[in-house]
Amino acid sequence: MSKGHSINEKFAPVLGKVDAVLIQSDGKLEGGADYRGDDKAAGY
């Protein structure tokens, strides 16, 4: 429920996706990818 409205995510279109890289205070990198797309976060 969002502000009293029910949302059926099965039929709701994806309006945007987010991928990001976080630079931590120690200089290490942390990545994340939106599960709704075909994106992946990977590192080495």
PDB file of N, CA and C in Angstrom:
ATOM      1  N   MET A   1       0.852  -1.187   0.000  1.00  0.00           N
ATOM      2  CA  MET A   1       0.000   0.000   0.000  1.00  0.00           C
ATOM      3  C   MET A   1       0.893   1.243   0.000  1.00  0.00           C
ATOM      4  N   SER A   2       0.524   2.190  -0.810  1.00  0.00           N
ATOM      5  CA  SER A   2       1.243   3.449  -0.898  1.00  0.00           C
ATOM      6  C   SER A   2       0.228   4.579  -0.837  1.00  0.00           C
ATOM      7  N   LYS A   3       0.232   5.337   0.240  1.00  0.00           N
ATOM      8  CA  LYS A   3      -0.719   6.440   0.440  1.00  0.00           C
ATOM      9  C   LYS A   3      -2.166   5.977   0.278  1.00  0.00           C
ATOM     10  N   GLY A   4      -2.441   4.761   0.743  1.00  0.00           N
ATOM     11  CA  GLY A   4      -3.797   4.250   0.701  1.00  0.00           C
ATOM     12  C   GLY A   4      -4.190   3.572  -0.599  1.00  0.00           C
ATOM     13  N   HIS A   5      -3.299   3.522  -1.574  1.00  0.00           N
ATOM     14  CA  HIS A   5      -3.593   2.889  -2.858  1.00  0.00           C
ATOM     15  C   HIS A   5      -2.863   1.561  -2.949  1.00  0.00           C
ATOM     16  N   SER A   6      -3.556   0.538  -3.462  1.00  0.00           N
ATOM     17  CA  SER A   6      -2.869  -0.729  -3.672  1.00  0.00           C
ATOM     18  C   SER A   6      -2.203  -0.691  -5.047  1.00  0.00           C
ATOM     19  N   ILE A   7      -0.999  -1.232  -5.133  1.00  0.00           N
ATOM     20  CA  ILE A   7      -0.230  -1.228  -6.371  1.00  0.00           C
ATOM     21  C   ILE A   7      -0.021  -2.667  -6.811  1.00  0.00           C
ATOM     22  N   ASN A   8      -0.421  -2.971  -8.022  1.00  0.00           N
ATOM     23  CA  ASN A   8      -0.210  -4.298  -8.587  1.00  0.00           C
ATOM     24  C   ASN A   8       1.051  -4.222  -9.438  1.00  0.00           C
ATOM     25  N   GLU A   9       2.188  -4.608  -8.867  1.00  0.00           N
ATOM     26  CA  GLU A   9       3.474  -4.485  -9.560  1.00  0.00           C
ATOM     27  C   GLU A   9       3.568  -5.407 -10.770  1.00  0.00           C
ATOM     28  N   LYS A  10       2.725  -6.422 -10.832  1.00  0.00           N
ATOM     29  CA  LYS A  10       2.745  -7.327 -11.977  1.00  0.00           C
ATOM     30  C   LYS A  10       2.347  -6.598 -13.260  1.00  0.00           C
ATOM     31  N   PHE A  11       1.468  -5.626 -13.144  1.00  0.00           N
ATOM     32  CA  PHE A  11       0.977  -4.907 -14.312  1.00  0.00           C
ATOM     33  C   PHE A  11       1.495  -3.469 -14.399  1.00  0.00           C
ATOM     34  N   ALA A  12       2.253  -3.016 -13.405  1.00  0.00           N
ATOM     35  CA  ALA A  12       2.789  -1.650 -13.418  1.00  0.00           C
ATOM     36  C   ALA A  12       4.058  -1.608 -14.261  1.00  0.00           C
ATOM     37  N   PRO A  13       4.150  -0.662 -15.186  1.00  0.00           N
ATOM     38  CA  PRO A  13       5.375  -0.578 -15.997  1.00  0.00           C
ATOM     39  C   PRO A  13       6.547  -0.059 -15.172  1.00  0.00           C
ATOM     40  N   VAL A  14       7.745  -0.455 -15.556  1.00  0.00           N
ATOM     41  CA  VAL A  14       8.955   0.062 -14.914  1.00  0.00           C
ATOM     42  C   VAL A  14       9.245   1.419 -15.545  1.00  0.00           C
ATOM     43  N   LEU A  15       9.240   2.460 -14.742  1.00  0.00           N
ATOM     44  CA  LEU A  15       9.449   3.809 -15.264  1.00  0.00           C
ATOM     45  C   LEU A  15      10.900   4.227 -15.210  1.00  0.00           C
ATOM     46  N   GLY A  16      11.725   3.505 -14.506  1.00  0.00           N
ATOM     47  CA  GLY A  16      13.137   3.840 -14.417  1.00  0.00           C
ATOM     48  C   GLY A  16      13.875   2.792 -13.618  1.00  0.00           C
ATOM     49  N   LYS A  17      15.171   2.743 -13.824  1.00  0.00           N
ATOM     50  CA  LYS A  17      16.017   1.808 -13.083  1.00  0.00           C
ATOM     51  C   LYS A  17      17.216   2.581 -12.568  1.00  0.00           C
ATOM     52  N   VAL A  18      17.849   2.031 -11.544  1.00  0.00           N
ATOM     53  CA  VAL A  18      18.996   2.699 -10.944  1.00  0.00           C
ATOM     54  C   VAL A  18      20.126   1.701 -10.764  1.00  0.00           C
ATOM     55  N   ASP A  19      21.324   2.100 -11.162  1.00  0.00           N
ATOM     56  CA  ASP A  19      22.555   1.380 -10.856  1.00  0.00           C
ATOM     57  C   ASP A  19      23.464   2.401 -10.178  1.00  0.00           C
ATOM     58  N   ALA A  20      24.257   1.956  -9.223  1.00  0.00           N
ATOM     59  CA  ALA A  20      25.060   2.920  -8.483  1.00  0.00           C
ATOM     60  C   ALA A  20      26.369   2.310  -8.009  1.00  0.00           C
ATOM     61  N   VAL A  21      27.337   3.183  -7.790  1.00  0.00           N
ATOM     62  CA  VAL A  21      28.609   2.814  -7.175  1.00  0.00           C
ATOM     63  C   VAL A  21      28.803   3.728  -5.979  1.00  0.00           C
ATOM     64  N   LEU A  22      29.020   3.128  -4.812  1.00  0.00           N
ATOM     65  CA  LEU A  22      29.276   3.874  -3.583  1.00  0.00           C
ATOM     66  C   LEU A  22      30.764   3.804  -3.278  1.00  0.00           C
ATOM     67  N   ILE A  23      31.387   4.947  -3.082  1.00  0.00           N
ATOM     68  CA  ILE A  23      32.791   4.990  -2.650  1.00  0.00           C
ATOM     69  C   ILE A  23      32.781   5.144  -1.143  1.00  0.00           C
ATOM     70  N   GLN A  24      33.222   4.110  -0.440  1.00  0.00           N
ATOM     71  CA  GLN A  24      33.220   4.121   1.020  1.00  0.00           C
ATOM     72  C   GLN A  24      34.352   4.998   1.555  1.00  0.00           C
ATOM     73  N   SER A  25      34.281   5.322   2.816  1.00  0.00           N
ATOM     74  CA  SER A  25      35.275   6.212   3.427  1.00  0.00           C
ATOM     75  C   SER A  25      36.686   5.639   3.392  1.00  0.00           C
ATOM     76  N   ASP A  26      36.818   4.301   3.316  1.00  0.00           N
ATOM     77  CA  ASP A  26      38.147   3.683   3.243  1.00  0.00           C
ATOM     78  C   ASP A  26      38.620   3.506   1.789  1.00  0.00           C
ATOM     79  N   GLY A  27      37.856   4.042   0.815  1.00  0.00           N
ATOM     80  CA  GLY A  27      38.237   3.977  -0.586  1.00  0.00           C
ATOM     81  C   GLY A  27      37.721   2.748  -1.320  1.00  0.00           C
ATOM     82  N   LYS A  28      37.136   1.807  -0.597  1.00  0.00           N
ATOM     83  CA  LYS A  28      36.577   0.622  -1.255  1.00  0.00           C
ATOM     84  C   LYS A  28      35.307   1.000  -2.008  1.00  0.00           C
ATOM     85  N   LEU A  29      35.012   0.244  -3.063  1.00  0.00           N
ATOM     86  CA  LEU A  29      33.836   0.495  -3.878  1.00  0.00           C
ATOM     87  C   LEU A  29      32.763  -0.546  -3.602  1.00  0.00           C
ATOM     88  N   GLU A  30      31.521  -0.109  -3.606  1.00  0.00           N
ATOM     89  CA  GLU A  30      30.386  -1.005  -3.427  1.00  0.00           C
ATOM     90  C   GLU A  30      29.403  -0.708  -4.548  1.00  0.00           C
ATOM     91  N   GLY A  31      28.975  -1.746  -5.272  1.00  0.00           N
ATOM     92  CA  GLY A  31      28.075  -1.544  -6.401  1.00  0.00           C
ATOM     93  C   GLY A  31      26.728  -2.182  -6.161  1.00  0.00           C
ATOM     94  N   GLY A  32      25.725  -1.604  -6.777  1.00  0.00           N
ATOM     95  CA  GLY A  32      24.384  -2.156  -6.695  1.00  0.00           C
ATOM     96  C   GLY A  32      23.671  -1.979  -8.014  1.00  0.00           C
ATOM     97  N   ALA A  33      22.786  -2.913  -8.345  1.00  0.00           N
ATOM     98  CA  ALA A  33      22.026  -2.859  -9.586  1.00  0.00           C
ATOM     99  C   ALA A  33      20.557  -3.125  -9.287  1.00  0.00           C
ATOM    100  N   ASP A  34      19.712  -2.460 -10.020  1.00  0.00           N
ATOM    101  CA  ASP A  34      18.269  -2.596  -9.864  1.00  0.00           C
ATOM    102  C   ASP A  34      17.837  -3.990 -10.317  1.00  0.00           C
ATOM    103  N   TYR A  35      17.174  -4.729  -9.449  1.00  0.00           N
ATOM    104  CA  TYR A  35      16.770  -6.100  -9.744  1.00  0.00           C
ATOM    105  C   TYR A  35      15.700  -6.165 -10.830  1.00  0.00           C
ATOM    106  N   ARG A  36      15.032  -5.044 -11.134  1.00  0.00           N
ATOM    107  CA  ARG A  36      13.960  -5.056 -12.128  1.00  0.00           C
ATOM    108  C   ARG A  36      14.474  -5.109 -13.559  1.00  0.00           C
ATOM    109  N   GLY A  37      15.756  -4.872 -13.759  1.00  0.00           N
ATOM    110  CA  GLY A  37      16.324  -4.915 -15.106  1.00  0.00           C
ATOM    111  C   GLY A  37      17.239  -6.110 -15.276  1.00  0.00           C
ATOM    112  N   ASP A  38      17.997  -6.090 -16.358  1.00  0.00           N
ATOM    113  CA  ASP A  38      18.939  -7.178 -16.601  1.00  0.00           C
ATOM    114  C   ASP A  38      20.354  -6.785 -16.186  1.00  0.00           C
ATOM    115  N   ASP A  39      20.472  -5.734 -15.386  1.00  0.00           N
ATOM    116  CA  ASP A  39      21.769  -5.227 -14.932  1.00  0.00           C
ATOM    117  C   ASP A  39      22.294  -6.066 -13.780  1.00  0.00           C
ATOM    118  N   LYS A  40      23.593  -6.066 -13.616  1.00  0.00           N
ATOM    119  CA  LYS A  40      24.251  -6.787 -12.516  1.00  0.00           C
ATOM    120  C   LYS A  40      25.383  -5.936 -11.990  1.00  0.00           C
ATOM    121  N   ALA A  41      25.688  -6.070 -10.710  1.00  0.00           N
ATOM    122  CA  ALA A  41      26.843  -5.423 -10.107  1.00  0.00           C
ATOM    123  C   ALA A  41      27.914  -6.491  -9.924  1.00  0.00           C
ATOM    124  N   ALA A  42      29.117  -6.200 -10.369  1.00  0.00           N
ATOM    125  CA  ALA A  42      30.211  -7.164 -10.251  1.00  0.00           C
ATOM    126  C   ALA A  42      31.509  -6.410  -9.992  1.00  0.00           C
ATOM    127  N   GLY A  43      32.420  -7.039  -9.310  1.00  0.00           N
ATOM    128  CA  GLY A  43      33.698  -6.402  -9.032  1.00  0.00           C
ATOM    129  C   GLY A  43      34.813  -7.429  -9.001  1.00  0.00           C
ATOM    130  N   TYR A  44      36.031  -6.937  -8.976  1.00  0.00           N
ATOM    131  CA  TYR A  44      37.199  -7.810  -8.881  1.00  0.00           C
ATOM    132  C   TYR A  44      38.302  -7.100  -8.161  1.00  0.00           C
TER     133      TYR A  44
END
